[in-house]
Amino acid sequence: MQQIENTVKPYDQNFTTMVPTGFVKFFRTCLIWQFIRFVIINFKMIRVVQKSH
């Protein structure tokens, strides 16, 4: 474990975060898409609850 800690550089190029594309940004901010996902998730939750009762 110590050897790994010595070789890993925390601020190296390999530790960058992904930058969202325009397509991803659109779906994150689109209220219509968020509402559709909300409805789908709620239907899935209803189905799970119905199976348990």
N, C-alpha and C. Protein backbone atom coordinates (compact mmCIF):
# COMPACT_ATOMS: atom_id res chain seq x y z
N MET A 1 0.82 -1.19 0.00
CA MET A 1 0.00 0.00 0.00
C MET A 1 0.87 1.26 0.00
N GLN A 2 1.94 1.22 0.74
CA GLN A 2 2.85 2.36 0.82
C GLN A 2 3.47 2.65 -0.54
N GLN A 3 3.79 1.59 -1.29
CA GLN A 3 4.39 1.77 -2.61
C GLN A 3 3.41 2.47 -3.56
N ILE A 4 2.15 2.11 -3.48
CA ILE A 4 1.14 2.75 -4.32
C ILE A 4 0.99 4.22 -3.95
N GLU A 5 0.97 4.52 -2.67
CA GLU A 5 0.85 5.90 -2.22
C GLU A 5 2.03 6.75 -2.68
N ASN A 6 3.19 6.16 -2.79
CA ASN A 6 4.36 6.90 -3.23
C ASN A 6 4.32 7.20 -4.73
N THR A 7 3.68 6.34 -5.52
CA THR A 7 3.68 6.53 -6.98
C THR A 7 2.49 7.34 -7.48
N VAL A 8 1.42 7.44 -6.71
CA VAL A 8 0.24 8.19 -7.14
C VAL A 8 0.43 9.67 -6.85
N LYS A 9 0.25 10.47 -7.88
CA LYS A 9 0.35 11.92 -7.70
C LYS A 9 -1.07 12.49 -7.78
N PRO A 10 -1.58 13.09 -6.71
CA PRO A 10 -2.98 13.48 -6.65
C PRO A 10 -3.39 14.55 -7.66
N TYR A 11 -2.48 15.39 -8.11
CA TYR A 11 -2.84 16.46 -9.04
C TYR A 11 -2.29 16.20 -10.43
N ASP A 12 -2.13 14.94 -10.77
CA ASP A 12 -1.64 14.54 -12.08
C ASP A 12 -2.76 14.64 -13.11
N GLN A 13 -2.44 14.61 -14.40
CA GLN A 13 -3.43 14.69 -15.48
C GLN A 13 -4.45 13.57 -15.42
N ASN A 14 -4.11 12.44 -14.84
CA ASN A 14 -5.01 11.28 -14.79
C ASN A 14 -6.18 11.49 -13.84
N PHE A 15 -6.14 12.50 -13.02
CA PHE A 15 -7.17 12.69 -12.01
C PHE A 15 -8.09 13.88 -12.34
N THR A 16 -8.35 14.10 -13.61
CA THR A 16 -9.25 15.18 -14.00
C THR A 16 -10.68 14.67 -14.06
N THR A 17 -11.63 15.56 -13.92
CA THR A 17 -13.04 15.18 -14.02
C THR A 17 -13.51 15.31 -15.46
N MET A 18 -14.56 14.59 -15.78
CA MET A 18 -15.12 14.66 -17.12
C MET A 18 -15.91 15.95 -17.28
N VAL A 19 -15.80 16.56 -18.42
CA VAL A 19 -16.55 17.77 -18.73
C VAL A 19 -17.78 17.35 -19.51
N PRO A 20 -19.00 17.71 -19.05
CA PRO A 20 -20.20 17.29 -19.76
C PRO A 20 -20.30 17.93 -21.14
N THR A 21 -20.82 17.16 -22.08
CA THR A 21 -21.01 17.67 -23.43
C THR A 21 -22.26 18.53 -23.49
N GLY A 22 -22.49 19.18 -24.60
CA GLY A 22 -23.69 20.00 -24.77
C GLY A 22 -24.96 19.17 -24.67
N PHE A 23 -24.90 17.93 -25.17
CA PHE A 23 -26.05 17.03 -25.11
C PHE A 23 -26.41 16.70 -23.66
N VAL A 24 -25.41 16.41 -22.86
CA VAL A 24 -25.62 16.09 -21.45
C VAL A 24 -26.15 17.32 -20.70
N LYS A 25 -25.58 18.48 -20.97
CA LYS A 25 -26.05 19.71 -20.32
C LYS A 25 -27.51 19.98 -20.66
N PHE A 26 -27.90 19.72 -21.91
CA PHE A 26 -29.28 19.93 -22.31
C PHE A 26 -30.23 19.06 -21.50
N PHE A 27 -29.90 17.77 -21.38
CA PHE A 27 -30.79 16.88 -20.63
C PHE A 27 -30.80 17.17 -19.14
N ARG A 28 -29.72 17.70 -18.60
CA ARG A 28 -29.70 18.06 -17.18
C ARG A 28 -30.55 19.28 -16.89
N THR A 29 -30.73 20.15 -17.86
CA THR A 29 -31.48 21.39 -17.63
C THR A 29 -32.87 21.38 -18.26
N CYS A 30 -33.20 20.38 -19.05
CA CYS A 30 -34.49 20.32 -19.74
C CYS A 30 -35.59 19.87 -18.76
N LEU A 31 -36.53 20.74 -18.49
CA LEU A 31 -37.59 20.43 -17.53
C LEU A 31 -38.52 19.33 -18.04
N ILE A 32 -38.74 19.27 -19.33
CA ILE A 32 -39.61 18.21 -19.89
C ILE A 32 -38.97 16.85 -19.65
N TRP A 33 -37.68 16.72 -19.92
CA TRP A 33 -36.99 15.44 -19.72
C TRP A 33 -36.97 15.07 -18.23
N GLN A 34 -36.76 16.04 -17.36
CA GLN A 34 -36.76 15.76 -15.93
C GLN A 34 -38.13 15.29 -15.47
N PHE A 35 -39.19 15.86 -16.01
CA PHE A 35 -40.53 15.43 -15.64
C PHE A 35 -40.79 14.00 -16.12
N ILE A 36 -40.35 13.69 -17.34
CA ILE A 36 -40.52 12.33 -17.86
C ILE A 36 -39.79 11.33 -16.98
N ARG A 37 -38.55 11.63 -16.61
CA ARG A 37 -37.78 10.73 -15.73
C ARG A 37 -38.45 10.59 -14.37
N PHE A 38 -39.00 11.69 -13.86
CA PHE A 38 -39.71 11.66 -12.58
C PHE A 38 -40.88 10.69 -12.64
N VAL A 39 -41.66 10.76 -13.72
CA VAL A 39 -42.82 9.88 -13.88
C VAL A 39 -42.37 8.42 -13.99
N ILE A 40 -41.33 8.16 -14.77
CA ILE A 40 -40.85 6.79 -14.94
C ILE A 40 -40.37 6.22 -13.61
N ILE A 41 -39.61 6.99 -12.86
CA ILE A 41 -39.11 6.52 -11.56
C ILE A 41 -40.26 6.26 -10.60
N ASN A 42 -41.28 7.12 -10.61
CA ASN A 42 -42.42 6.90 -9.74
C ASN A 42 -43.19 5.64 -10.11
N PHE A 43 -43.34 5.36 -11.40
CA PHE A 43 -44.00 4.11 -11.81
C PHE A 43 -43.20 2.90 -11.35
N LYS A 44 -41.89 2.97 -11.42
CA LYS A 44 -41.05 1.87 -10.95
C LYS A 44 -41.22 1.66 -9.45
N MET A 45 -41.27 2.76 -8.70
CA MET A 45 -41.45 2.65 -7.24
C MET A 45 -42.83 2.07 -6.92
N ILE A 46 -43.86 2.48 -7.63
CA ILE A 46 -45.20 1.94 -7.40
C ILE A 46 -45.23 0.45 -7.66
N ARG A 47 -44.55 0.01 -8.73
CA ARG A 47 -44.51 -1.41 -9.06
C ARG A 47 -43.82 -2.20 -7.96
N VAL A 48 -42.73 -1.68 -7.41
CA VAL A 48 -42.01 -2.37 -6.34
C VAL A 48 -42.88 -2.48 -5.09
N VAL A 49 -43.58 -1.40 -4.75
CA VAL A 49 -44.44 -1.42 -3.57
C VAL A 49 -45.59 -2.38 -3.77
N GLN A 50 -46.17 -2.43 -4.96
CA GLN A 50 -47.28 -3.35 -5.22
C GLN A 50 -46.84 -4.80 -5.12
N LYS A 51 -45.63 -5.11 -5.53
CA LYS A 51 -45.13 -6.47 -5.44
C LYS A 51 -44.96 -6.90 -3.99
N SER A 52 -44.66 -5.96 -3.12
CA SER A 52 -44.42 -6.31 -1.73
C SER A 52 -45.71 -6.47 -0.92
N HIS A 53 -46.83 -5.97 -1.45
CA HIS A 53 -48.09 -6.06 -0.71
C HIS A 53 -48.99 -7.11 -1.26
